[in-house]
Amino acid sequence: MKIRTCKYFAKQSVKSIWRNKVMSLASIGSVMAALLVIGIFLILVLNVDYLAAKLESQVEIKVHLVDGLSDTIIGEIRKEIKGLSGVKDCVFVSKDKALKDFSESLGENSYLLEGLEGDNPLSDSFVVTLEDPRLAPQVTLAIKAMSNIENVVYGKEELEKLLDVTYFLRVGSLVIVAILLLISVFIISNTIKLTVYARRREIGIMKYIGATDWFVRGPFFLEGVLLGLIGSIISIGLLATGYYYIARYVEQQMFGLLVISLMPFQEVLKSLTVSLLAFGVVIGSLGSMISIRKFLKV
């Protein structure tokens, strides 16, 4: 495409937007409203994924050792566990530390454990973290087959439920965003169709004097892209501002009360900007192309 043609398309697009201010504002408003809804669900998707990743990273395997092992044997077991495929880390927890941690977790009721220091019923153990929580069953079986292992616990039922819930939330959220995107394209195409209808005589004249379909379609395509970009920029600004204050409120007012925090603002802003700008261009361009098909008789 020639530079002169590109300049012509850009000039005609800007002229059309300015000349049809009311319809242009309606199109921008429709894009903005659609992207606000999509953006809200996108923020939910991002936070669900962030929450799921955090929960999955907290999945641990507790390995209890038989009593009376020497430091050398404990070191060998740790080395063997760390050598297993999928194991991220393996931290040793002595029976004394386990009793101390348990006592601290009881708070005011820690007196119930008084006198157990000399006859500690707990065992030395390892806390094993994984690269992928789905590997827990295989890693557990491998550890159980080792020598000097008393018991291995990883919460099989809880892990399976966690993986099922996080999968459902991720897939469900993405499906909703996809449906909203299709609905948005339909709404925008109908809005832009009114603009195209108002210019049907202009299009007819251009076709009559021999203009090709792509030459007629070009300014409308670029116009749709510009309207989509404007609408997406406004929606990004509104959503980013809203999320910033909500995240700050949650951090300030709920500090210490929430186990899981919201996704950091900068990460949300980055994903939101890239996604909504892309959605805005797609919605605007598709809406324009769908709207003008009838008048081009393509």
C-alpha atoms as a PDB file:
ATOM      1  CA  MET A   1       0.000   0.000   0.000  1.00  0.00           C
ATOM      2  CA  LYS A   2       1.361   3.431  -0.981  1.00  0.00           C
ATOM      3  CA  ILE A   3       2.184   6.072   1.625  1.00  0.00           C
ATOM      4  CA  ARG A   4      -0.163   8.502  -0.158  1.00  0.00           C
ATOM      5  CA  THR A   5      -3.028   6.011   0.202  1.00  0.00           C
ATOM      6  CA  CYS A   6      -2.277   5.506   3.897  1.00  0.00           C
ATOM      7  CA  LYS A   7      -2.317   9.269   4.437  1.00  0.00           C
ATOM      8  CA  TYR A   8      -5.635   9.467   2.581  1.00  0.00           C
ATOM      9  CA  PHE A   9      -7.155   6.748   4.781  1.00  0.00           C
ATOM     10  CA  ALA A  10      -5.912   8.447   7.949  1.00  0.00           C
ATOM     11  CA  LYS A  11      -7.195  11.848   6.836  1.00  0.00           C
ATOM     12  CA  GLN A  12     -10.613  10.480   5.863  1.00  0.00           C
ATOM     13  CA  SER A  13     -10.902   8.538   9.115  1.00  0.00           C
ATOM     14  CA  VAL A  14     -10.181  11.588  11.282  1.00  0.00           C
ATOM     15  CA  LYS A  15     -12.534  13.725   9.159  1.00  0.00           C
ATOM     16  CA  SER A  16     -15.292  11.142   9.468  1.00  0.00           C
ATOM     17  CA  ILE A  17     -14.910  10.902  13.244  1.00  0.00           C
ATOM     18  CA  TRP A  18     -15.008  14.697  13.575  1.00  0.00           C
ATOM     19  CA  ARG A  19     -17.877  15.132  11.100  1.00  0.00           C
ATOM     20  CA  ASN A  20     -20.003  12.461  12.763  1.00  0.00           C
ATOM     21  CA  LYS A  21     -19.300  13.484  16.352  1.00  0.00           C
ATOM     22  CA  VAL A  22     -22.503  12.087  17.835  1.00  0.00           C
ATOM     23  CA  MET A  23     -22.164   8.660  16.207  1.00  0.00           C
ATOM     24  CA  SER A  24     -18.441   8.598  16.965  1.00  0.00           C
ATOM     25  CA  LEU A  25     -19.124   9.327  20.633  1.00  0.00           C
ATOM     26  CA  ALA A  26     -21.775   6.604  20.616  1.00  0.00           C
ATOM     27  CA  SER A  27     -19.270   4.138  19.148  1.00  0.00           C
ATOM     28  CA  ILE A  28     -16.575   5.141  21.647  1.00  0.00           C
ATOM     29  CA  GLY A  29     -19.106   4.852  24.471  1.00  0.00           C
ATOM     30  CA  SER A  30     -20.141   1.388  23.296  1.00  0.00           C
ATOM     31  CA  VAL A  31     -16.524   0.230  23.051  1.00  0.00           C
ATOM     32  CA  MET A  32     -15.752   1.719  26.458  1.00  0.00           C
ATOM     33  CA  ALA A  33     -18.796   0.112  28.110  1.00  0.00           C
ATOM     34  CA  ALA A  34     -18.047  -3.265  26.537  1.00  0.00           C
ATOM     35  CA  LEU A  35     -14.377  -3.127  27.512  1.00  0.00           C
ATOM     36  CA  LEU A  36     -15.218  -2.025  31.048  1.00  0.00           C
ATOM     37  CA  VAL A  37     -17.250  -5.209  31.495  1.00  0.00           C
ATOM     38  CA  ILE A  38     -14.558  -7.320  29.812  1.00  0.00           C
ATOM     39  CA  GLY A  39     -11.889  -5.531  31.867  1.00  0.00           C
ATOM     40  CA  ILE A  40     -13.663  -6.287  35.148  1.00  0.00           C
ATOM     41  CA  PHE A  41     -13.840  -9.974  34.256  1.00  0.00           C
ATOM     42  CA  LEU A  42     -10.230  -9.853  33.055  1.00  0.00           C
ATOM     43  CA  ILE A  43      -9.155  -8.461  36.427  1.00  0.00           C
ATOM     44  CA  LEU A  44     -11.079 -11.300  38.070  1.00  0.00           C
ATOM     45  CA  VAL A  45      -9.336 -13.810  35.770  1.00  0.00           C
ATOM     46  CA  LEU A  46      -5.915 -12.346  36.619  1.00  0.00           C
ATOM     47  CA  ASN A  47      -6.612 -12.458  40.350  1.00  0.00           C
ATOM     48  CA  VAL A  48      -8.079 -15.968  40.167  1.00  0.00           C
ATOM     49  CA  ASP A  49      -4.976 -17.141  38.314  1.00  0.00           C
ATOM     50  CA  TYR A  50      -2.746 -15.294  40.801  1.00  0.00           C
ATOM     51  CA  LEU A  51      -4.648 -16.849  43.710  1.00  0.00           C
ATOM     52  CA  ALA A  52      -4.514 -20.317  42.126  1.00  0.00           C
ATOM     53  CA  ALA A  53      -0.764 -20.049  41.535  1.00  0.00           C
ATOM     54  CA  LYS A  54      -0.250 -18.912  45.143  1.00  0.00           C
ATOM     55  CA  LEU A  55      -2.342 -21.734  46.563  1.00  0.00           C
ATOM     56  CA  GLU A  56      -0.605 -24.296  44.366  1.00  0.00           C
ATOM     57  CA  SER A  57       2.806 -23.004  45.466  1.00  0.00           C
ATOM     58  CA  GLN A  58       1.776 -23.655  49.080  1.00  0.00           C
ATOM     59  CA  VAL A  59       1.191 -27.363  48.462  1.00  0.00           C
ATOM     60  CA  GLU A  60       3.729 -29.262  50.573  1.00  0.00           C
ATOM     61  CA  ILE A  61       4.590 -32.867  51.330  1.00  0.00           C
ATOM     62  CA  LYS A  62       5.348 -33.624  54.988  1.00  0.00           C
ATOM     63  CA  VAL A  63       7.857 -36.472  55.381  1.00  0.00           C
ATOM     64  CA  HIS A  64       8.110 -37.918  58.923  1.00  0.00           C
ATOM     65  CA  LEU A  65      11.311 -39.817  59.733  1.00  0.00           C
ATOM     66  CA  VAL A  66      11.794 -42.768  62.060  1.00  0.00           C
ATOM     67  CA  ASP A  67      13.186 -41.780  65.450  1.00  0.00           C
ATOM     68  CA  GLY A  68      16.866 -41.801  66.360  1.00  0.00           C
ATOM     69  CA  LEU A  69      18.497 -41.167  62.974  1.00  0.00           C
ATOM     70  CA  SER A  70      21.997 -39.687  62.832  1.00  0.00           C
ATOM     71  CA  ASP A  71      22.744 -36.399  61.086  1.00  0.00           C
ATOM     72  CA  THR A  72      24.594 -38.318  58.369  1.00  0.00           C
ATOM     73  CA  ILE A  73      21.580 -40.497  57.517  1.00  0.00           C
ATOM     74  CA  ILE A  74      19.243 -37.483  57.626  1.00  0.00           C
ATOM     75  CA  GLY A  75      21.554 -35.675  55.192  1.00  0.00           C
ATOM     76  CA  GLU A  76      21.542 -38.665  52.847  1.00  0.00           C
ATOM     77  CA  ILE A  77      17.732 -38.836  52.899  1.00  0.00           C
ATOM     78  CA  ARG A  78      17.497 -35.118  52.147  1.00  0.00           C
ATOM     79  CA  LYS A  79      19.905 -35.508  49.227  1.00  0.00           C
ATOM     80  CA  GLU A  80      17.867 -38.438  47.887  1.00  0.00           C
ATOM     81  CA  ILE A  81      14.597 -36.517  48.132  1.00  0.00           C
ATOM     82  CA  LYS A  82      16.068 -33.422  46.462  1.00  0.00           C
ATOM     83  CA  GLY A  83      17.234 -35.636  43.618  1.00  0.00           C
ATOM     84  CA  LEU A  84      13.675 -36.683  42.762  1.00  0.00           C
ATOM     85  CA  SER A  85      12.144 -35.238  39.602  1.00  0.00           C
ATOM     86  CA  GLY A  86       9.740 -32.364  40.339  1.00  0.00           C
ATOM     87  CA  VAL A  87      11.104 -31.548  43.813  1.00  0.00           C
ATOM     88  CA  LYS A  88      11.762 -27.825  44.244  1.00  0.00           C
ATOM     89  CA  ASP A  89      13.131 -27.824  47.788  1.00  0.00           C
ATOM     90  CA  CYS A  90      13.447 -30.036  50.854  1.00  0.00           C
ATOM     91  CA  VAL A  91      13.727 -28.381  54.286  1.00  0.00           C
ATOM     92  CA  PHE A  92      14.589 -30.306  57.448  1.00  0.00           C
ATOM     93  CA  VAL A  93      12.470 -29.610  60.561  1.00  0.00           C
ATOM     94  CA  SER A  94      13.793 -31.076  63.814  1.00  0.00           C
ATOM     95  CA  LYS A  95      11.372 -32.521  66.374  1.00  0.00           C
ATOM     96  CA  ASP A  96      12.319 -29.725  68.810  1.00  0.00           C
ATOM     97  CA  LYS A  97      11.530 -27.019  66.271  1.00  0.00           C
ATOM     98  CA  ALA A  98       8.278 -28.779  65.344  1.00  0.00           C
ATOM     99  CA  LEU A  99       7.226 -28.774  69.013  1.00  0.00           C
ATOM    100  CA  LYS A 100       8.165 -25.096  69.365  1.00  0.00           C
ATOM    101  CA  ASP A 101       6.182 -24.149  66.233  1.00  0.00           C
ATOM    102  CA  PHE A 102       3.195 -26.180  67.440  1.00  0.00           C
ATOM    103  CA  SER A 103       3.355 -24.461  70.826  1.00  0.00           C
ATOM    104  CA  GLU A 104       3.419 -21.011  69.195  1.00  0.00           C
ATOM    105  CA  SER A 105       0.437 -21.916  67.008  1.00  0.00           C
ATOM    106  CA  LEU A 106      -1.610 -22.710  70.135  1.00  0.00           C
ATOM    107  CA  GLY A 107      -1.093 -19.190  71.481  1.00  0.00           C
ATOM    108  CA  GLU A 108      -2.612 -18.844  74.961  1.00  0.00           C
ATOM    109  CA  ASN A 109      -3.203 -22.599  75.099  1.00  0.00           C
ATOM    110  CA  SER A 110       0.496 -23.412  74.708  1.00  0.00           C
ATOM    111  CA  TYR A 111       0.544 -24.451  78.380  1.00  0.00           C
ATOM    112  CA  LEU A 112      -1.054 -27.722  77.254  1.00  0.00           C
ATOM    113  CA  LEU A 113       2.339 -28.797  75.891  1.00  0.00           C
ATOM    114  CA  GLU A 114       4.310 -28.013  79.040  1.00  0.00           C
ATOM    115  CA  GLY A 115       6.469 -30.917  80.179  1.00  0.00           C
ATOM    116  CA  LEU A 116       6.786 -32.482  76.734  1.00  0.00           C
ATOM    117  CA  GLU A 117      10.254 -31.063  76.086  1.00  0.00           C
ATOM    118  CA  GLY A 118      11.923 -34.079  77.682  1.00  0.00           C
ATOM    119  CA  ASP A 119       9.616 -36.603  76.031  1.00  0.00           C
ATOM    120  CA  ASN A 120       8.837 -34.999  72.655  1.00  0.00           C
ATOM    121  CA  PRO A 121       6.184 -37.131  70.865  1.00  0.00           C
ATOM    122  CA  LEU A 122       6.829 -35.436  67.518  1.00  0.00           C
ATOM    123  CA  SER A 123       9.314 -36.693  64.934  1.00  0.00           C
ATOM    124  CA  ASP A 124      12.007 -35.155  62.780  1.00  0.00           C
ATOM    125  CA  SER A 125      10.639 -34.354  59.347  1.00  0.00           C
ATOM    126  CA  PHE A 126      11.171 -32.800  55.945  1.00  0.00           C
ATOM    127  CA  VAL A 127       8.901 -30.246  54.284  1.00  0.00           C
ATOM    128  CA  VAL A 128       9.047 -30.872  50.540  1.00  0.00           C
ATOM    129  CA  THR A 129       7.861 -28.263  48.027  1.00  0.00           C
ATOM    130  CA  LEU A 130       7.192 -29.141  44.389  1.00  0.00           C
ATOM    131  CA  GLU A 131       7.642 -27.445  41.036  1.00  0.00           C
ATOM    132  CA  ASP A 132       4.156 -28.655  40.058  1.00  0.00           C
ATOM    133  CA  PRO A 133       1.551 -29.712  42.681  1.00  0.00           C
ATOM    134  CA  ARG A 134       0.184 -32.313  40.257  1.00  0.00           C
ATOM    135  CA  LEU A 135       3.388 -34.302  40.834  1.00  0.00           C
ATOM    136  CA  ALA A 136       2.545 -34.837  44.527  1.00  0.00           C
ATOM    137  CA  PRO A 137       1.215 -38.431  44.160  1.00  0.00           C
ATOM    138  CA  GLN A 138       4.282 -39.633  42.216  1.00  0.00           C
ATOM    139  CA  VAL A 139       6.762 -37.904  44.533  1.00  0.00           C
ATOM    140  CA  THR A 140       4.942 -39.258  47.597  1.00  0.00           C
ATOM    141  CA  LEU A 141       5.171 -42.836  46.318  1.00  0.00           C
ATOM    142  CA  ALA A 142       8.885 -42.397  45.583  1.00  0.00           C
ATOM    143  CA  ILE A 143       9.567 -41.064  49.099  1.00  0.00           C
ATOM    144  CA  LYS A 144       7.536 -43.841  50.760  1.00  0.00           C
ATOM    145  CA  ALA A 145       9.772 -46.389  49.035  1.00  0.00           C
ATOM    146  CA  MET A 146      12.871 -44.933  50.744  1.00  0.00           C
ATOM    147  CA  SER A 147      14.419 -46.309  53.925  1.00  0.00           C
ATOM    148  CA  ASN A 148      13.884 -44.745  57.381  1.00  0.00           C
ATOM    149  CA  ILE A 149      10.610 -43.062  56.370  1.00  0.00           C
ATOM    150  CA  GLU A 150       7.849 -43.365  58.970  1.00  0.00           C
ATOM    151  CA  ASN A 151       5.037 -41.563  57.158  1.00  0.00           C
ATOM    152  CA  VAL A 152       4.369 -39.239  54.205  1.00  0.00           C
ATOM    153  CA  VAL A 153       1.433 -36.803  54.162  1.00  0.00           C
ATOM    154  CA  TYR A 154       0.376 -34.337  51.466  1.00  0.00           C
ATOM    155  CA  GLY A 155      -3.407 -34.008  51.760  1.00  0.00           C
ATOM    156  CA  LYS A 156      -4.489 -35.962  48.683  1.00  0.00           C
ATOM    157  CA  GLU A 157      -8.194 -35.064  48.787  1.00  0.00           C
ATOM    158  CA  GLU A 158      -7.548 -31.388  49.535  1.00  0.00           C
ATOM    159  CA  LEU A 159      -5.025 -31.145  46.687  1.00  0.00           C
ATOM    160  CA  GLU A 160      -7.395 -32.776  44.190  1.00  0.00           C
ATOM    161  CA  LYS A 161     -10.187 -30.393  45.202  1.00  0.00           C
ATOM    162  CA  LEU A 162      -7.825 -27.418  44.939  1.00  0.00           C
ATOM    163  CA  LEU A 163      -6.698 -28.392  41.434  1.00  0.00           C
ATOM    164  CA  ASP A 164     -10.312 -28.974  40.327  1.00  0.00           C
ATOM    165  CA  VAL A 165     -11.486 -25.621  41.697  1.00  0.00           C
ATOM    166  CA  THR A 166      -8.597 -23.627  40.221  1.00  0.00           C
ATOM    167  CA  TYR A 167      -9.053 -25.322  36.825  1.00  0.00           C
ATOM    168  CA  PHE A 168     -12.796 -24.565  36.861  1.00  0.00           C
ATOM    169  CA  LEU A 169     -12.212 -20.926  37.841  1.00  0.00           C
ATOM    170  CA  ARG A 170      -9.562 -20.395  35.164  1.00  0.00           C
ATOM    171  CA  VAL A 171     -11.515 -22.019  32.325  1.00  0.00           C
ATOM    172  CA  GLY A 172     -14.846 -20.536  33.414  1.00  0.00           C
ATOM    173  CA  SER A 173     -13.441 -17.012  33.587  1.00  0.00           C
ATOM    174  CA  LEU A 174     -11.809 -17.289  30.143  1.00  0.00           C
ATOM    175  CA  VAL A 175     -15.061 -18.600  28.609  1.00  0.00           C
ATOM    176  CA  ILE A 176     -16.992 -15.649  30.062  1.00  0.00           C
ATOM    177  CA  VAL A 177     -14.429 -13.181  28.662  1.00  0.00           C
ATOM    178  CA  ALA A 178     -14.659 -14.833  25.217  1.00  0.00           C
ATOM    179  CA  ILE A 179     -18.480 -14.623  25.248  1.00  0.00           C
ATOM    180  CA  LEU A 180     -18.365 -10.968  26.317  1.00  0.00           C
ATOM    181  CA  LEU A 181     -15.908 -10.238  23.510  1.00  0.00           C
ATOM    182  CA  LEU A 182     -18.274 -11.722  20.900  1.00  0.00           C
ATOM    183  CA  ILE A 183     -21.220  -9.783  22.329  1.00  0.00           C
ATOM    184  CA  SER A 184     -19.122  -6.607  22.239  1.00  0.00           C
ATOM    185  CA  VAL A 185     -18.269  -7.101  18.552  1.00  0.00           C
ATOM    186  CA  PHE A 186     -21.991  -7.516  17.789  1.00  0.00           C
ATOM    187  CA  ILE A 187     -22.931  -4.347  19.706  1.00  0.00           C
ATOM    188  CA  ILE A 188     -20.146  -2.274  18.150  1.00  0.00           C
ATOM    189  CA  SER A 189     -20.931  -3.507  14.631  1.00  0.00           C
ATOM    190  CA  ASN A 190     -24.544  -2.380  15.026  1.00  0.00           C
ATOM    191  CA  THR A 191     -23.473   0.994  16.385  1.00  0.00           C
ATOM    192  CA  ILE A 192     -20.992   1.579  13.558  1.00  0.00           C
ATOM    193  CA  LYS A 193     -23.581   0.314  11.080  1.00  0.00           C
ATOM    194  CA  LEU A 194     -25.622   3.446  11.819  1.00  0.00           C
ATOM    195  CA  THR A 195     -22.616   5.582  10.862  1.00  0.00           C
ATOM    196  CA  VAL A 196     -22.122   3.605   7.662  1.00  0.00           C
ATOM    197  CA  TYR A 197     -25.833   3.867   6.839  1.00  0.00           C
ATOM    198  CA  ALA A 198     -25.662   7.647   7.204  1.00  0.00           C
ATOM    199  CA  ARG A 199     -22.855   7.653   4.628  1.00  0.00           C
ATOM    200  CA  ARG A 200     -24.406   5.131   2.226  1.00  0.00           C
ATOM    201  CA  ARG A 201     -24.756   7.720  -0.544  1.00  0.00           C
ATOM    202  CA  GLU A 202     -21.075   8.634  -0.248  1.00  0.00           C
ATOM    203  CA  ILE A 203     -20.153   4.944  -0.473  1.00  0.00           C
ATOM    204  CA  GLY A 204     -22.471   4.495  -3.463  1.00  0.00           C
ATOM    205  CA  ILE A 205     -20.818   7.391  -5.311  1.00  0.00           C
ATOM    206  CA  MET A 206     -17.343   6.011  -4.615  1.00  0.00           C
ATOM    207  CA  LYS A 207     -18.392   2.608  -5.942  1.00  0.00           C
ATOM    208  CA  TYR A 208     -20.050   4.228  -8.972  1.00  0.00           C
ATOM    209  CA  ILE A 209     -16.861   6.044 -10.021  1.00  0.00           C
ATOM    210  CA  GLY A 210     -14.892   2.795  -9.813  1.00  0.00           C
ATOM    211  CA  ALA A 211     -13.409   2.707  -6.301  1.00  0.00           C
ATOM    212  CA  THR A 212     -12.384  -0.801  -5.261  1.00  0.00           C
ATOM    213  CA  ASP A 213     -13.849  -2.458  -2.185  1.00  0.00           C
ATOM    214  CA  TRP A 214     -10.603  -2.240  -0.207  1.00  0.00           C
ATOM    215  CA  PHE A 215     -10.289   1.485  -1.040  1.00  0.00           C
ATOM    216  CA  VAL A 216     -13.803   2.117   0.293  1.00  0.00           C
ATOM    217  CA  ARG A 217     -13.255  -0.199   3.229  1.00  0.00           C
ATOM    218  CA  GLY A 218      -9.859   1.297   4.252  1.00  0.00           C
ATOM    219  CA  PRO A 219     -11.040   4.536   5.916  1.00  0.00           C
ATOM    220  CA  PHE A 220     -13.840   2.687   7.721  1.00  0.00           C
ATOM    221  CA  PHE A 221     -11.395   0.045   8.942  1.00  0.00           C
ATOM    222  CA  LEU A 222      -8.990   2.677  10.272  1.00  0.00           C
ATOM    223  CA  GLU A 223     -11.887   4.623  11.761  1.00  0.00           C
ATOM    224  CA  GLY A 224     -13.011   1.516  13.629  1.00  0.00           C
ATOM    225  CA  VAL A 225      -9.476   0.942  14.900  1.00  0.00           C
ATOM    226  CA  LEU A 226      -9.198   4.561  16.123  1.00  0.00           C
ATOM    227  CA  LEU A 227     -12.582   4.430  17.852  1.00  0.00           C
ATOM    228  CA  GLY A 228     -11.630   1.114  19.437  1.00  0.00           C
ATOM    229  CA  LEU A 229      -8.317   2.507  20.671  1.00  0.00           C
ATOM    230  CA  ILE A 230      -9.932   5.617  22.148  1.00  0.00           C
ATOM    231  CA  GLY A 231     -12.577   3.529  23.909  1.00  0.00           C
ATOM    232  CA  SER A 232      -9.978   1.091  25.226  1.00  0.00           C
ATOM    233  CA  ILE A 233      -7.688   3.868  26.532  1.00  0.00           C
ATOM    234  CA  ILE A 234     -10.579   5.427  28.463  1.00  0.00           C
ATOM    235  CA  SER A 235     -11.647   2.056  29.892  1.00  0.00           C
ATOM    236  CA  ILE A 236      -8.042   1.231  30.877  1.00  0.00           C
ATOM    237  CA  GLY A 237      -7.789   4.541  32.735  1.00  0.00           C
ATOM    238  CA  LEU A 238     -11.050   3.968  34.625  1.00  0.00           C
ATOM    239  CA  LEU A 239     -10.295   0.336  35.482  1.00  0.00           C
ATOM    240  CA  ALA A 240      -6.697   1.048  36.514  1.00  0.00           C
ATOM    241  CA  THR A 241      -7.790   3.910  38.776  1.00  0.00           C
ATOM    242  CA  GLY A 242     -10.525   1.797  40.357  1.00  0.00           C
ATOM    243  CA  TYR A 243      -8.258  -1.202  40.916  1.00  0.00           C
ATOM    244  CA  TYR A 244      -5.476   0.965  42.360  1.00  0.00           C
ATOM    245  CA  TYR A 245      -7.734   2.386  45.085  1.00  0.00           C
ATOM    246  CA  ILE A 246      -9.453  -0.943  45.788  1.00  0.00           C
ATOM    247  CA  ALA A 247      -6.099  -2.744  46.111  1.00  0.00           C
ATOM    248  CA  ARG A 248      -4.743   0.014  48.366  1.00  0.00           C
ATOM    249  CA  TYR A 249      -7.884  -0.086  50.531  1.00  0.00           C
ATOM    250  CA  VAL A 250      -7.638  -3.854  50.891  1.00  0.00           C
ATOM    251  CA  GLU A 251      -3.944  -3.585  51.773  1.00  0.00           C
ATOM    252  CA  GLN A 252      -4.510  -0.849  54.374  1.00  0.00           C
ATOM    253  CA  GLN A 253      -7.804  -1.926  55.942  1.00  0.00           C
ATOM    254  CA  MET A 254      -7.483  -5.699  55.753  1.00  0.00           C
ATOM    255  CA  PHE A 255      -3.777  -5.989  56.574  1.00  0.00           C
ATOM    256  CA  GLY A 256      -3.137  -9.160  58.522  1.00  0.00           C
ATOM    257  CA  LEU A 257      -6.695 -10.446  58.046  1.00  0.00           C
ATOM    258  CA  LEU A 258      -6.351 -11.851  54.525  1.00  0.00           C
ATOM    259  CA  VAL A 259      -4.374 -14.992  53.840  1.00  0.00           C
ATOM    260  CA  ILE A 260      -4.329 -14.246  50.113  1.00  0.00           C
ATOM    261  CA  SER A 261      -3.581 -10.766  48.764  1.00  0.00           C
ATOM    262  CA  LEU A 262      -4.718  -9.194  45.509  1.00  0.00           C
ATOM    263  CA  MET A 263      -2.481  -9.244  42.458  1.00  0.00           C
ATOM    264  CA  PRO A 264       0.002  -6.303  42.510  1.00  0.00           C
ATOM    265  CA  PHE A 265      -1.238  -3.168  40.709  1.00  0.00           C
ATOM    266  CA  GLN A 266       1.697  -2.943  38.268  1.00  0.00           C
ATOM    267  CA  GLU A 267       1.170  -6.519  37.066  1.00  0.00           C
ATOM    268  CA  VAL A 268      -2.564  -5.945  36.585  1.00  0.00           C
ATOM    269  CA  LEU A 269      -1.955  -2.654  34.752  1.00  0.00           C
ATOM    270  CA  LYS A 270       0.489  -4.278  32.335  1.00  0.00           C
ATOM    271  CA  SER A 271      -1.834  -7.183  31.468  1.00  0.00           C
ATOM    272  CA  LEU A 272      -4.888  -4.914  31.357  1.00  0.00           C
ATOM    273  CA  THR A 273      -3.242  -2.412  28.995  1.00  0.00           C
ATOM    274  CA  VAL A 274      -2.006  -5.010  26.502  1.00  0.00           C
ATOM    275  CA  SER A 275      -5.267  -6.993  26.527  1.00  0.00           C
ATOM    276  CA  LEU A 276      -7.737  -4.102  26.302  1.00  0.00           C
ATOM    277  CA  LEU A 277      -5.773  -2.264  23.604  1.00  0.00           C
ATOM    278  CA  ALA A 278      -5.794  -5.478  21.560  1.00  0.00           C
ATOM    279  CA  PHE A 279      -9.502  -6.046  22.273  1.00  0.00           C
ATOM    280  CA  GLY A 280     -10.281  -2.436  21.325  1.00  0.00           C
ATOM    281  CA  VAL A 281      -8.539  -2.776  17.959  1.00  0.00           C
ATOM    282  CA  VAL A 282     -10.234  -6.132  17.274  1.00  0.00           C
ATOM    283  CA  ILE A 283     -13.695  -4.906  18.272  1.00  0.00           C
ATOM    284  CA  GLY A 284     -13.396  -1.657  16.320  1.00  0.00           C
ATOM    285  CA  SER A 285     -11.966  -3.194  13.140  1.00  0.00           C
ATOM    286  CA  LEU A 286     -14.325  -6.194  13.096  1.00  0.00           C
ATOM    287  CA  GLY A 287     -17.284  -3.950  13.840  1.00  0.00           C
ATOM    288  CA  SER A 288     -16.412  -1.724  10.881  1.00  0.00           C
ATOM    289  CA  MET A 289     -15.836  -4.629   8.501  1.00  0.00           C
ATOM    290  CA  ILE A 290     -19.091  -6.346   9.455  1.00  0.00           C
ATOM    291  CA  SER A 291     -21.048  -3.089   9.161  1.00  0.00           C
ATOM    292  CA  ILE A 292     -19.853  -2.143   5.674  1.00  0.00           C
ATOM    293  CA  ARG A 293     -20.297  -5.589   4.055  1.00  0.00           C
ATOM    294  CA  LYS A 294     -23.920  -4.930   3.133  1.00  0.00           C
ATOM    295  CA  PHE A 295     -23.157  -1.667   1.351  1.00  0.00           C
ATOM    296  CA  LEU A 296     -20.247  -3.143  -0.574  1.00  0.00           C
ATOM    297  CA  LYS A 297     -22.385  -6.157  -1.544  1.00  0.00           C
ATOM    298  CA  VAL A 298     -19.392  -8.402  -0.834  1.00  0.00           C
END
